[in-house]
Amino acid sequence: MREVATLRDGRAGLKRHQTQIRLRAGAPMAGLELLRASLAESLIVSKGEYQYFVHPLSDGVPLVEAAILDEAAAALAARVPEGSEILVTAEAIGLPLAAAVTLRTGLPYTTLRKRAYGLPGERVVTQKTGYGGAELHLNAPVEGRRVTIVDDVLSTGGTLRAMCSALRDAGALIDRVLIVFSKVDPRELSAELDVPIDILLQVHVEGAKVVID
């Protein structure tokens, strides 16, 4: 009975916390000269009707320069809410970003992996993207913990929906989502998921180039 009461209290606290979160979509950041300049060199590839830009921080190719990663990590770290306890990202390109932000903030990070470990309490959700899909597996002690999501690109929102679902099912309190590049206006998704979404740069593909909005 004591365990049931604790679980009930935890869920009530989660609901209150989510209700108190102020919805806002962070405006794209000024500065970020290296990140902006690097987008001019991005190549565009097509996967069906999906236009995909290739960039070191979203794809890991051709080369991830330390200065660009450091610039993005500094900007993301500055937006981690005070009181957040864990950074969360998704396999695979979110890994170097989360690691870099961890080094700046001192917060631990965990990753939703595309492989199952079969560990006790493992959470499984389906990730749907503009060019495919996969299962994501959460294996981290996040119940009752405040977390901030860090990822590289926001496009269809499929990955972010899956991450939020897994984290909330596990009892986590999602403080904020931090994204390097957004291909869409994040405000609608922010309202849908009931969580602030902050982006560094909003971009779109126009012809054979990436345009910063």
N, C-alpha and C. Protein backbone atom coordinates (compact mmCIF):
# COMPACT_ATOMS: atom_id res chain seq x y z
N MET A 1 0.83 -1.21 0.00
CA MET A 1 0.00 0.00 0.00
C MET A 1 0.86 1.25 0.00
N ARG A 2 1.98 1.20 0.74
CA ARG A 2 2.86 2.36 0.80
C ARG A 2 3.44 2.66 -0.58
N GLU A 3 3.80 1.57 -1.35
CA GLU A 3 4.35 1.76 -2.69
C GLU A 3 3.31 2.36 -3.62
N VAL A 4 2.06 1.93 -3.51
CA VAL A 4 0.98 2.47 -4.34
C VAL A 4 0.79 3.95 -4.05
N ALA A 5 0.80 4.32 -2.77
CA ALA A 5 0.63 5.72 -2.39
C ALA A 5 1.77 6.57 -2.93
N THR A 6 3.00 6.05 -2.86
CA THR A 6 4.16 6.79 -3.37
C THR A 6 4.04 7.01 -4.86
N LEU A 7 3.63 5.97 -5.60
CA LEU A 7 3.45 6.09 -7.04
C LEU A 7 2.38 7.11 -7.37
N ARG A 8 1.28 7.08 -6.60
CA ARG A 8 0.19 8.01 -6.82
C ARG A 8 0.65 9.45 -6.59
N ASP A 9 1.40 9.66 -5.51
CA ASP A 9 1.92 10.99 -5.20
C ASP A 9 2.87 11.47 -6.29
N GLY A 10 3.69 10.54 -6.80
CA GLY A 10 4.64 10.91 -7.85
C GLY A 10 3.94 11.35 -9.12
N ARG A 11 2.87 10.62 -9.49
CA ARG A 11 2.13 10.99 -10.70
C ARG A 11 1.43 12.33 -10.52
N ALA A 12 0.92 12.58 -9.33
CA ALA A 12 0.27 13.86 -9.06
C ALA A 12 1.27 15.00 -9.17
N GLY A 13 2.49 14.76 -8.64
CA GLY A 13 3.53 15.78 -8.73
C GLY A 13 3.93 16.04 -10.16
N LEU A 14 4.00 14.96 -10.96
CA LEU A 14 4.33 15.09 -12.38
C LEU A 14 3.29 15.93 -13.09
N LYS A 15 2.01 15.67 -12.82
CA LYS A 15 0.95 16.41 -13.48
C LYS A 15 1.01 17.89 -13.11
N ARG A 16 1.26 18.18 -11.82
CA ARG A 16 1.36 19.58 -11.40
C ARG A 16 2.54 20.27 -12.07
N HIS A 17 3.66 19.54 -12.16
CA HIS A 17 4.85 20.12 -12.77
C HIS A 17 4.60 20.45 -14.24
N GLN A 18 3.98 19.51 -14.97
CA GLN A 18 3.73 19.73 -16.39
C GLN A 18 2.76 20.88 -16.59
N THR A 19 1.79 21.02 -15.70
CA THR A 19 0.83 22.11 -15.81
C THR A 19 1.50 23.45 -15.59
N GLN A 20 2.51 23.47 -14.69
CA GLN A 20 3.16 24.72 -14.36
C GLN A 20 4.18 25.16 -15.40
N ILE A 21 4.62 24.25 -16.27
CA ILE A 21 5.61 24.62 -17.28
C ILE A 21 5.03 25.69 -18.20
N ARG A 22 5.75 26.76 -18.39
CA ARG A 22 5.28 27.83 -19.27
C ARG A 22 5.64 27.47 -20.70
N LEU A 23 4.62 27.40 -21.56
CA LEU A 23 4.85 27.06 -22.95
C LEU A 23 5.53 28.22 -23.65
N ARG A 24 6.63 27.92 -24.29
CA ARG A 24 7.24 28.93 -25.13
C ARG A 24 8.22 28.24 -26.06
N ALA A 25 8.34 28.77 -27.26
CA ALA A 25 9.31 28.26 -28.21
C ALA A 25 10.45 29.26 -28.25
N GLY A 26 11.64 28.84 -27.86
CA GLY A 26 12.77 29.76 -27.80
C GLY A 26 13.09 30.31 -29.17
N ALA A 27 13.30 31.61 -29.25
CA ALA A 27 13.66 32.24 -30.52
C ALA A 27 15.05 31.78 -30.94
N PRO A 28 15.30 31.67 -32.25
CA PRO A 28 16.64 31.32 -32.71
C PRO A 28 17.67 32.28 -32.13
N MET A 29 18.84 31.76 -31.82
CA MET A 29 19.86 32.56 -31.15
C MET A 29 20.63 33.44 -32.11
N ALA A 30 21.00 34.63 -31.63
CA ALA A 30 21.89 35.50 -32.39
C ALA A 30 23.31 34.94 -32.27
N GLY A 31 24.20 35.47 -33.10
CA GLY A 31 25.57 34.98 -33.07
C GLY A 31 25.69 33.66 -33.80
N LEU A 32 26.40 32.71 -33.20
CA LEU A 32 26.61 31.38 -33.79
C LEU A 32 27.21 31.47 -35.19
N GLU A 33 28.22 32.31 -35.32
CA GLU A 33 28.81 32.58 -36.64
C GLU A 33 29.35 31.33 -37.32
N LEU A 34 30.03 30.47 -36.57
CA LEU A 34 30.59 29.26 -37.17
C LEU A 34 29.50 28.32 -37.64
N LEU A 35 28.47 28.18 -36.83
CA LEU A 35 27.36 27.29 -37.18
C LEU A 35 26.64 27.81 -38.42
N ARG A 36 26.41 29.10 -38.46
CA ARG A 36 25.75 29.70 -39.62
C ARG A 36 26.58 29.52 -40.89
N ALA A 37 27.87 29.79 -40.79
CA ALA A 37 28.74 29.68 -41.96
C ALA A 37 28.82 28.24 -42.46
N SER A 38 28.81 27.29 -41.54
CA SER A 38 28.93 25.88 -41.93
C SER A 38 27.73 25.39 -42.72
N LEU A 39 26.57 26.00 -42.50
CA LEU A 39 25.36 25.59 -43.24
C LEU A 39 25.49 25.87 -44.73
N ALA A 40 26.28 26.87 -45.08
CA ALA A 40 26.45 27.21 -46.50
C ALA A 40 27.15 26.09 -47.26
N GLU A 41 27.85 25.23 -46.55
CA GLU A 41 28.57 24.13 -47.19
C GLU A 41 27.79 22.81 -47.16
N SER A 42 26.59 22.83 -46.59
CA SER A 42 25.81 21.60 -46.48
C SER A 42 25.29 21.15 -47.84
N LEU A 43 25.36 19.85 -48.08
CA LEU A 43 24.80 19.27 -49.29
C LEU A 43 23.37 18.82 -49.04
N ILE A 44 22.57 18.78 -50.10
CA ILE A 44 21.17 18.38 -50.00
C ILE A 44 20.99 17.03 -50.69
N VAL A 45 20.34 16.10 -50.02
CA VAL A 45 20.01 14.82 -50.63
C VAL A 45 18.51 14.60 -50.51
N SER A 46 17.96 13.82 -51.42
CA SER A 46 16.52 13.53 -51.43
C SER A 46 16.29 12.07 -51.11
N LYS A 47 15.35 11.82 -50.20
CA LYS A 47 14.90 10.47 -49.90
C LYS A 47 13.40 10.45 -50.13
N GLY A 48 13.02 10.05 -51.35
CA GLY A 48 11.62 10.17 -51.74
C GLY A 48 11.27 11.64 -51.87
N GLU A 49 10.23 12.06 -51.18
CA GLU A 49 9.83 13.47 -51.21
C GLU A 49 10.49 14.28 -50.09
N TYR A 50 11.32 13.64 -49.30
CA TYR A 50 11.93 14.29 -48.15
C TYR A 50 13.26 14.90 -48.55
N GLN A 51 13.41 16.22 -48.32
CA GLN A 51 14.66 16.92 -48.59
C GLN A 51 15.50 16.94 -47.32
N TYR A 52 16.69 16.42 -47.41
CA TYR A 52 17.53 16.19 -46.24
C TYR A 52 18.86 16.92 -46.42
N PHE A 53 19.24 17.76 -45.46
CA PHE A 53 20.53 18.43 -45.58
C PHE A 53 21.57 17.70 -44.72
N VAL A 54 22.77 17.61 -45.24
CA VAL A 54 23.85 16.88 -44.58
C VAL A 54 24.78 17.89 -43.91
N HIS A 55 24.90 17.78 -42.60
CA HIS A 55 25.72 18.72 -41.83
C HIS A 55 26.47 17.94 -40.75
N PRO A 56 27.67 18.36 -40.40
CA PRO A 56 28.44 17.63 -39.39
C PRO A 56 27.70 17.40 -38.07
N LEU A 57 26.93 18.39 -37.59
CA LEU A 57 26.26 18.24 -36.31
C LEU A 57 24.97 17.45 -36.39
N SER A 58 24.47 17.21 -37.60
CA SER A 58 23.26 16.41 -37.74
C SER A 58 23.52 15.05 -38.37
N ASP A 59 24.75 14.86 -38.88
CA ASP A 59 25.05 13.60 -39.57
C ASP A 59 26.41 13.02 -39.22
N GLY A 60 27.29 13.84 -38.66
CA GLY A 60 28.63 13.34 -38.33
C GLY A 60 29.57 13.26 -39.51
N VAL A 61 29.18 13.81 -40.66
CA VAL A 61 30.02 13.83 -41.86
C VAL A 61 29.91 15.22 -42.50
N PRO A 62 30.92 15.67 -43.26
CA PRO A 62 32.17 14.94 -43.51
C PRO A 62 33.13 14.95 -42.32
N LEU A 63 33.24 16.07 -41.61
CA LEU A 63 34.08 16.16 -40.41
C LEU A 63 33.39 17.05 -39.38
N VAL A 64 33.41 16.62 -38.13
CA VAL A 64 32.87 17.44 -37.05
C VAL A 64 34.03 18.25 -36.46
N GLU A 65 34.07 19.53 -36.77
CA GLU A 65 35.13 20.38 -36.27
C GLU A 65 34.87 20.74 -34.80
N ALA A 66 35.93 20.72 -33.99
CA ALA A 66 35.80 20.98 -32.56
C ALA A 66 35.19 22.35 -32.28
N ALA A 67 35.56 23.35 -33.07
CA ALA A 67 35.09 24.72 -32.82
C ALA A 67 33.59 24.84 -33.02
N ILE A 68 33.06 24.16 -34.05
CA ILE A 68 31.62 24.23 -34.32
C ILE A 68 30.84 23.48 -33.23
N LEU A 69 31.33 22.30 -32.86
CA LEU A 69 30.68 21.54 -31.79
C LEU A 69 30.70 22.32 -30.49
N ASP A 70 31.82 22.96 -30.19
CA ASP A 70 31.94 23.73 -28.95
C ASP A 70 31.00 24.93 -28.96
N GLU A 71 30.87 25.59 -30.10
CA GLU A 71 29.97 26.74 -30.20
C GLU A 71 28.52 26.32 -29.94
N ALA A 72 28.11 25.23 -30.57
CA ALA A 72 26.74 24.74 -30.39
C ALA A 72 26.51 24.27 -28.96
N ALA A 73 27.49 23.55 -28.41
CA ALA A 73 27.35 23.03 -27.04
C ALA A 73 27.24 24.16 -26.03
N ALA A 74 28.01 25.22 -26.23
CA ALA A 74 27.95 26.37 -25.32
C ALA A 74 26.58 27.01 -25.35
N ALA A 75 26.01 27.14 -26.55
CA ALA A 75 24.69 27.76 -26.69
C ALA A 75 23.61 26.88 -26.08
N LEU A 76 23.71 25.57 -26.27
CA LEU A 76 22.73 24.65 -25.68
C LEU A 76 22.85 24.62 -24.16
N ALA A 77 24.07 24.57 -23.67
CA ALA A 77 24.29 24.50 -22.22
C ALA A 77 23.73 25.73 -21.52
N ALA A 78 23.81 26.88 -22.18
CA ALA A 78 23.30 28.12 -21.59
C ALA A 78 21.79 28.10 -21.42
N ARG A 79 21.12 27.19 -22.14
CA ARG A 79 19.66 27.13 -22.09
C ARG A 79 19.13 25.97 -21.26
N VAL A 80 20.00 25.20 -20.66
CA VAL A 80 19.53 24.13 -19.78
C VAL A 80 18.94 24.77 -18.52
N PRO A 81 17.68 24.47 -18.19
CA PRO A 81 17.05 25.10 -17.04
C PRO A 81 17.75 24.76 -15.72
N GLU A 82 17.80 25.71 -14.84
CA GLU A 82 18.34 25.46 -13.51
C GLU A 82 17.47 24.41 -12.81
N GLY A 83 18.09 23.43 -12.23
CA GLY A 83 17.34 22.38 -11.54
C GLY A 83 17.19 21.11 -12.35
N SER A 84 17.46 21.17 -13.67
CA SER A 84 17.43 19.94 -14.46
C SER A 84 18.51 19.00 -13.95
N GLU A 85 18.20 17.70 -13.93
CA GLU A 85 19.11 16.73 -13.34
C GLU A 85 19.78 15.81 -14.36
N ILE A 86 19.10 15.58 -15.49
CA ILE A 86 19.60 14.62 -16.47
C ILE A 86 19.37 15.18 -17.87
N LEU A 87 20.35 15.00 -18.75
CA LEU A 87 20.19 15.30 -20.17
C LEU A 87 19.81 14.00 -20.88
N VAL A 88 18.90 14.12 -21.84
CA VAL A 88 18.44 12.93 -22.57
C VAL A 88 18.56 13.19 -24.06
N THR A 89 19.08 12.22 -24.79
CA THR A 89 19.18 12.35 -26.24
C THR A 89 18.79 11.02 -26.88
N ALA A 90 18.77 11.02 -28.22
CA ALA A 90 18.42 9.81 -28.97
C ALA A 90 19.59 9.41 -29.86
N GLU A 91 19.76 8.12 -30.03
CA GLU A 91 20.78 7.61 -30.94
C GLU A 91 20.48 8.07 -32.36
N ALA A 92 21.45 8.53 -33.18
CA ALA A 92 22.85 8.44 -32.79
C ALA A 92 23.52 9.81 -32.70
N ILE A 93 23.11 10.77 -33.55
CA ILE A 93 23.86 12.02 -33.64
C ILE A 93 23.65 12.91 -32.43
N GLY A 94 22.63 12.65 -31.64
CA GLY A 94 22.47 13.42 -30.42
C GLY A 94 23.56 13.13 -29.40
N LEU A 95 24.26 12.00 -29.56
CA LEU A 95 25.27 11.58 -28.58
C LEU A 95 26.41 12.59 -28.41
N PRO A 96 27.09 13.02 -29.47
CA PRO A 96 28.18 13.98 -29.26
C PRO A 96 27.69 15.32 -28.71
N LEU A 97 26.49 15.72 -29.09
CA LEU A 97 25.93 16.97 -28.57
C LEU A 97 25.68 16.86 -27.07
N ALA A 98 25.02 15.78 -26.66
CA ALA A 98 24.73 15.60 -25.24
C ALA A 98 26.01 15.47 -24.43
N ALA A 99 27.00 14.77 -24.98
CA ALA A 99 28.28 14.62 -24.27
C ALA A 99 28.96 15.97 -24.08
N ALA A 100 28.91 16.80 -25.12
CA ALA A 100 29.54 18.13 -25.04
C ALA A 100 28.81 19.02 -24.03
N VAL A 101 27.48 18.92 -23.98
CA VAL A 101 26.71 19.71 -23.02
C VAL A 101 26.95 19.20 -21.60
N THR A 102 27.09 17.88 -21.46
CA THR A 102 27.42 17.31 -20.15
C THR A 102 28.73 17.87 -19.61
N LEU A 103 29.73 17.98 -20.48
CA LEU A 103 31.03 18.50 -20.05
C LEU A 103 30.93 19.96 -19.60
N ARG A 104 29.99 20.70 -20.16
CA ARG A 104 29.83 22.11 -19.79
C ARG A 104 28.95 22.30 -18.57
N THR A 105 27.99 21.42 -18.37
CA THR A 105 27.04 21.60 -17.27
C THR A 105 27.32 20.72 -16.06
N GLY A 106 28.03 19.63 -16.28
CA GLY A 106 28.27 18.67 -15.20
C GLY A 106 27.12 17.71 -14.98
N LEU A 107 26.07 17.81 -15.80
CA LEU A 107 24.92 16.91 -15.68
C LEU A 107 25.18 15.60 -16.42
N PRO A 108 24.71 14.48 -15.89
CA PRO A 108 24.83 13.22 -16.62
C PRO A 108 23.86 13.19 -17.79
N TYR A 109 24.16 12.35 -18.78
CA TYR A 109 23.20 12.18 -19.87
C TYR A 109 22.93 10.70 -20.11
N THR A 110 21.78 10.44 -20.71
CA THR A 110 21.42 9.09 -21.11
C THR A 110 20.91 9.12 -22.53
N THR A 111 20.91 7.95 -23.17
CA THR A 111 20.55 7.86 -24.58
C THR A 111 19.43 6.86 -24.80
N LEU A 112 18.43 7.24 -25.59
CA LEU A 112 17.45 6.27 -26.06
C LEU A 112 18.08 5.54 -27.24
N ARG A 113 18.35 4.25 -27.04
CA ARG A 113 19.06 3.46 -28.03
C ARG A 113 18.10 2.76 -28.99
N LYS A 114 18.63 2.39 -30.16
CA LYS A 114 17.83 1.68 -31.15
C LYS A 114 17.89 0.16 -30.94
N ARG A 115 18.63 -0.27 -29.96
CA ARG A 115 18.71 -1.70 -29.65
C ARG A 115 18.15 -1.95 -28.27
N ALA A 116 17.60 -3.15 -28.10
CA ALA A 116 17.04 -3.54 -26.81
C ALA A 116 18.13 -4.19 -25.96
N TYR A 117 18.09 -3.91 -24.66
CA TYR A 117 19.01 -4.55 -23.72
C TYR A 117 18.30 -5.58 -22.86
N GLY A 118 16.96 -5.47 -22.79
CA GLY A 118 16.22 -6.40 -21.96
C GLY A 118 16.40 -6.17 -20.48
N LEU A 119 16.79 -4.96 -20.10
CA LEU A 119 17.00 -4.65 -18.69
C LEU A 119 15.66 -4.44 -17.99
N PRO A 120 15.59 -4.63 -16.68
CA PRO A 120 14.34 -4.41 -15.95
C PRO A 120 13.85 -2.97 -16.13
N GLY A 121 12.57 -2.83 -16.44
CA GLY A 121 11.99 -1.50 -16.59
C GLY A 121 12.25 -0.83 -17.92
N GLU A 122 12.83 -1.55 -18.88
CA GLU A 122 13.12 -0.96 -20.18
C GLU A 122 11.84 -0.48 -20.86
N ARG A 123 11.88 0.74 -21.40
CA ARG A 123 10.72 1.32 -22.10
C ARG A 123 11.01 1.31 -23.59
N VAL A 124 10.01 0.93 -24.39
CA VAL A 124 10.17 0.85 -25.84
C VAL A 124 9.11 1.70 -26.51
N VAL A 125 9.54 2.58 -27.42
CA VAL A 125 8.61 3.41 -28.19
C VAL A 125 9.03 3.38 -29.65
N THR A 126 8.08 3.70 -30.53
CA THR A 126 8.36 3.72 -31.97
C THR A 126 8.67 5.14 -32.41
N GLN A 127 9.81 5.29 -33.07
CA GLN A 127 10.24 6.57 -33.60
C GLN A 127 9.89 6.62 -35.09
N LYS A 128 9.16 7.66 -35.50
CA LYS A 128 8.82 7.84 -36.91
C LYS A 128 9.44 9.14 -37.39
N THR A 129 10.25 9.06 -38.46
CA THR A 129 10.90 10.24 -39.01
C THR A 129 10.44 10.47 -40.44
N GLY A 130 10.99 11.52 -41.06
CA GLY A 130 10.60 11.83 -42.43
C GLY A 130 11.12 10.84 -43.44
N TYR A 131 12.05 9.98 -43.02
CA TYR A 131 12.64 9.04 -43.97
C TYR A 131 12.68 7.61 -43.45
N GLY A 132 11.92 7.32 -42.41
CA GLY A 132 11.91 5.96 -41.89
C GLY A 132 11.42 5.91 -40.46
N GLY A 133 11.82 4.88 -39.76
CA GLY A 133 11.40 4.74 -38.37
C GLY A 133 12.20 3.65 -37.68
N ALA A 134 12.09 3.60 -36.36
CA ALA A 134 12.82 2.60 -35.58
C ALA A 134 12.23 2.57 -34.18
N GLU A 135 12.62 1.55 -33.43
CA GLU A 135 12.25 1.50 -32.02
C GLU A 135 13.33 2.16 -31.19
N LEU A 136 12.92 2.90 -30.17
CA LEU A 136 13.86 3.50 -29.23
C LEU A 136 13.65 2.87 -27.86
N HIS A 137 14.75 2.61 -27.16
CA HIS A 137 14.69 1.93 -25.87
C HIS A 137 15.30 2.81 -24.79
N LEU A 138 14.53 3.04 -23.73
CA LEU A 138 14.97 3.86 -22.61
C LEU A 138 15.35 2.96 -21.44
N ASN A 139 16.58 3.08 -20.98
CA ASN A 139 17.06 2.34 -19.81
C ASN A 139 17.81 3.30 -18.89
N ALA A 140 17.07 4.06 -18.12
CA ALA A 140 17.69 5.02 -17.21
C ALA A 140 16.74 5.30 -16.05
N PRO A 141 17.28 5.58 -14.86
CA PRO A 141 16.45 5.86 -13.68
C PRO A 141 15.94 7.30 -13.70
N VAL A 142 14.87 7.55 -14.45
CA VAL A 142 14.38 8.93 -14.62
C VAL A 142 13.11 9.22 -13.83
N GLU A 143 12.55 8.23 -13.16
CA GLU A 143 11.29 8.47 -12.44
C GLU A 143 11.46 9.57 -11.39
N GLY A 144 10.60 10.59 -11.49
CA GLY A 144 10.64 11.69 -10.55
C GLY A 144 11.79 12.65 -10.76
N ARG A 145 12.57 12.47 -11.84
CA ARG A 145 13.74 13.31 -12.11
C ARG A 145 13.40 14.34 -13.18
N ARG A 146 14.01 15.51 -13.06
CA ARG A 146 13.83 16.57 -14.05
C ARG A 146 14.85 16.38 -15.17
N VAL A 147 14.36 16.36 -16.42
CA VAL A 147 15.24 16.08 -17.55
C VAL A 147 15.12 17.17 -18.60
N THR A 148 16.19 17.34 -19.36
CA THR A 148 16.20 18.22 -20.53
C THR A 148 16.62 17.40 -21.73
N ILE A 149 15.84 17.46 -22.79
CA ILE A 149 16.13 16.72 -24.02
C ILE A 149 17.05 17.55 -24.91
N VAL A 150 18.08 16.92 -25.46
CA VAL A 150 19.02 17.56 -26.38
C VAL A 150 19.04 16.75 -27.67
N ASP A 151 18.85 17.43 -28.82
CA ASP A 151 18.89 16.70 -30.09
C ASP A 151 19.38 17.62 -31.20
N ASP A 152 19.66 17.02 -32.35
CA ASP A 152 20.28 17.78 -33.43
C ASP A 152 19.29 18.49 -34.33
N VAL A 153 18.25 17.79 -34.80
CA VAL A 153 17.33 18.36 -35.78
C VAL A 153 15.88 18.09 -35.40
N LEU A 154 15.04 19.10 -35.57
CA LEU A 154 13.59 18.93 -35.44
C LEU A 154 13.00 19.08 -36.83
N SER A 155 12.31 18.03 -37.29
CA SER A 155 11.73 18.06 -38.63
C SER A 155 10.25 17.68 -38.57
N THR A 156 9.95 16.39 -38.56
CA THR A 156 8.55 15.96 -38.47
C THR A 156 8.07 15.91 -37.03
N GLY A 157 9.01 15.85 -36.09
CA GLY A 157 8.64 15.74 -34.68
C GLY A 157 8.47 14.31 -34.21
N GLY A 158 8.66 13.34 -35.10
CA GLY A 158 8.45 11.94 -34.74
C GLY A 158 9.36 11.45 -33.63
N THR A 159 10.63 11.79 -33.73
CA THR A 159 11.58 11.36 -32.69
C THR A 159 11.26 12.01 -31.36
N LEU A 160 10.96 13.29 -31.38
CA LEU A 160 10.67 14.01 -30.14
C LEU A 160 9.40 13.49 -29.48
N ARG A 161 8.38 13.19 -30.26
CA ARG A 161 7.15 12.62 -29.69
C ARG A 161 7.45 11.30 -28.98
N ALA A 162 8.26 10.46 -29.64
CA ALA A 162 8.60 9.17 -29.05
C ALA A 162 9.39 9.34 -27.76
N MET A 163 10.33 10.26 -27.75
CA MET A 163 11.14 10.49 -26.55
C MET A 163 10.29 10.99 -25.39
N CYS A 164 9.42 11.96 -25.67
CA CYS A 164 8.56 12.50 -24.62
C CYS A 164 7.64 11.42 -24.06
N SER A 165 7.12 10.58 -24.95
CA SER A 165 6.22 9.51 -24.52
C SER A 165 6.95 8.54 -23.59
N ALA A 166 8.15 8.12 -23.98
CA ALA A 166 8.90 7.17 -23.17
C ALA A 166 9.28 7.77 -21.82
N LEU A 167 9.73 9.01 -21.83
CA LEU A 167 10.16 9.65 -20.59
C LEU A 167 9.00 9.86 -19.62
N ARG A 168 7.87 10.31 -20.14
CA ARG A 168 6.73 10.54 -19.26
C ARG A 168 6.15 9.23 -18.75
N ASP A 169 6.14 8.20 -19.59
CA ASP A 169 5.68 6.89 -19.13
C ASP A 169 6.57 6.38 -17.99
N ALA A 170 7.84 6.77 -18.04
CA ALA A 170 8.78 6.34 -17.00
C ALA A 170 8.75 7.26 -15.78
N GLY A 171 7.91 8.30 -15.83
CA GLY A 171 7.76 9.18 -14.68
C GLY A 171 8.69 10.37 -14.62
N ALA A 172 9.34 10.70 -15.75
CA ALA A 172 10.25 11.84 -15.78
C ALA A 172 9.48 13.15 -15.90
N LEU A 173 10.09 14.23 -15.44
CA LEU A 173 9.55 15.57 -15.57
C LEU A 173 10.37 16.29 -16.63
N ILE A 174 9.78 16.57 -17.78
CA ILE A 174 10.52 17.16 -18.90
C ILE A 174 10.53 18.68 -18.76
N ASP A 175 11.70 19.24 -18.49
CA ASP A 175 11.83 20.68 -18.32
C ASP A 175 11.80 21.42 -19.65
N ARG A 176 12.57 20.92 -20.61
CA ARG A 176 12.75 21.67 -21.85
C ARG A 176 13.34 20.76 -22.92
N VAL A 177 13.14 21.16 -24.18
CA VAL A 177 13.77 20.49 -25.32
C VAL A 177 14.71 21.49 -25.97
N LEU A 178 15.95 21.07 -26.23
CA LEU A 178 16.95 21.92 -26.87
C LEU A 178 17.36 21.30 -28.20
N ILE A 179 17.22 22.07 -29.27
CA ILE A 179 17.46 21.58 -30.62
C ILE A 179 18.46 22.50 -31.33
N VAL A 180 19.39 21.93 -32.09
CA VAL A 180 20.33 22.75 -32.86
C VAL A 180 19.64 23.35 -34.07
N PHE A 181 19.09 22.51 -34.95
CA PHE A 181 18.43 22.97 -36.17
C PHE A 181 16.96 22.58 -36.15
N SER A 182 16.08 23.51 -36.47
CA SER A 182 14.67 23.18 -36.64
C SER A 182 14.25 23.52 -38.06
N LYS A 183 13.62 22.56 -38.72
CA LYS A 183 13.11 22.78 -40.08
C LYS A 183 11.67 23.25 -40.07
N VAL A 184 11.09 23.37 -38.88
CA VAL A 184 9.69 23.80 -38.74
C VAL A 184 9.60 24.82 -37.61
N ASP A 185 8.50 25.55 -37.60
CA ASP A 185 8.20 26.43 -36.47
C ASP A 185 7.85 25.52 -35.29
N PRO A 186 8.59 25.59 -34.20
CA PRO A 186 8.38 24.63 -33.11
C PRO A 186 7.18 24.91 -32.21
N ARG A 187 6.50 26.03 -32.42
CA ARG A 187 5.46 26.42 -31.46
C ARG A 187 4.29 25.44 -31.41
N GLU A 188 3.87 24.94 -32.55
CA GLU A 188 2.74 24.01 -32.57
C GLU A 188 3.09 22.71 -31.84
N LEU A 189 4.29 22.20 -32.10
CA LEU A 189 4.71 20.96 -31.44
C LEU A 189 4.93 21.20 -29.95
N SER A 190 5.41 22.38 -29.60
CA SER A 190 5.59 22.74 -28.19
C SER A 190 4.26 22.67 -27.44
N ALA A 191 3.22 23.21 -28.07
CA ALA A 191 1.89 23.18 -27.45
C ALA A 191 1.36 21.75 -27.38
N GLU A 192 1.57 20.97 -28.45
CA GLU A 192 1.10 19.58 -28.48
C GLU A 192 1.73 18.74 -27.38
N LEU A 193 3.03 18.92 -27.19
CA LEU A 193 3.76 18.10 -26.22
C LEU A 193 3.81 18.71 -24.83
N ASP A 194 3.31 19.94 -24.70
CA ASP A 194 3.28 20.63 -23.41
C ASP A 194 4.67 20.75 -22.81
N VAL A 195 5.61 21.23 -23.63
CA VAL A 195 6.98 21.42 -23.16
C VAL A 195 7.63 22.54 -23.98
N PRO A 196 8.42 23.40 -23.36
CA PRO A 196 9.12 24.44 -24.12
C PRO A 196 10.15 23.82 -25.06
N ILE A 197 10.22 24.31 -26.29
CA ILE A 197 11.21 23.86 -27.26
C ILE A 197 12.06 25.06 -27.65
N ASP A 198 13.34 24.99 -27.35
CA ASP A 198 14.28 26.05 -27.71
C ASP A 198 15.16 25.57 -28.86
N ILE A 199 15.35 26.42 -29.86
CA ILE A 199 16.17 26.06 -31.01
C ILE A 199 17.31 27.06 -31.16
N LEU A 200 18.40 26.58 -31.75
CA LEU A 200 19.51 27.50 -32.05
C LEU A 200 19.28 28.20 -33.38
N LEU A 201 18.94 27.43 -34.42
CA LEU A 201 18.69 28.03 -35.73
C LEU A 201 17.49 27.36 -36.39
N GLN A 202 16.61 28.17 -36.97
CA GLN A 202 15.52 27.64 -37.78
C GLN A 202 15.93 27.74 -39.24
N VAL A 203 15.79 26.64 -39.96
CA VAL A 203 16.29 26.57 -41.33
C VAL A 203 15.26 25.91 -42.23
N HIS A 204 15.44 26.08 -43.53
CA HIS A 204 14.66 25.31 -44.49
C HIS A 204 15.50 25.08 -45.73
N VAL A 205 15.15 24.04 -46.47
CA VAL A 205 15.85 23.71 -47.70
C VAL A 205 15.17 24.41 -48.86
N GLU A 206 15.95 25.13 -49.63
CA GLU A 206 15.43 25.86 -50.78
C GLU A 206 16.31 25.54 -51.98
N GLY A 207 15.77 24.72 -52.89
CA GLY A 207 16.57 24.29 -54.03
C GLY A 207 17.70 23.40 -53.57
N ALA A 208 18.93 23.85 -53.81
CA ALA A 208 20.10 23.05 -53.45
C ALA A 208 20.87 23.68 -52.30
N LYS A 209 20.18 24.43 -51.43
CA LYS A 209 20.91 25.06 -50.32
C LYS A 209 20.03 25.13 -49.07
N VAL A 210 20.69 25.34 -47.95
CA VAL A 210 20.01 25.52 -46.68
C VAL A 210 19.90 27.01 -46.40
N VAL A 211 18.69 27.45 -46.10
CA VAL A 211 18.43 28.86 -45.83
C VAL A 211 18.11 29.02 -44.35
N ILE A 212 18.75 29.99 -43.70
CA ILE A 212 18.46 30.30 -42.30
C ILE A 212 17.32 31.29 -42.24
N ASP A 213 16.26 30.94 -41.52
CA ASP A 213 15.08 31.80 -41.43
C ASP A 213 15.33 32.99 -40.50
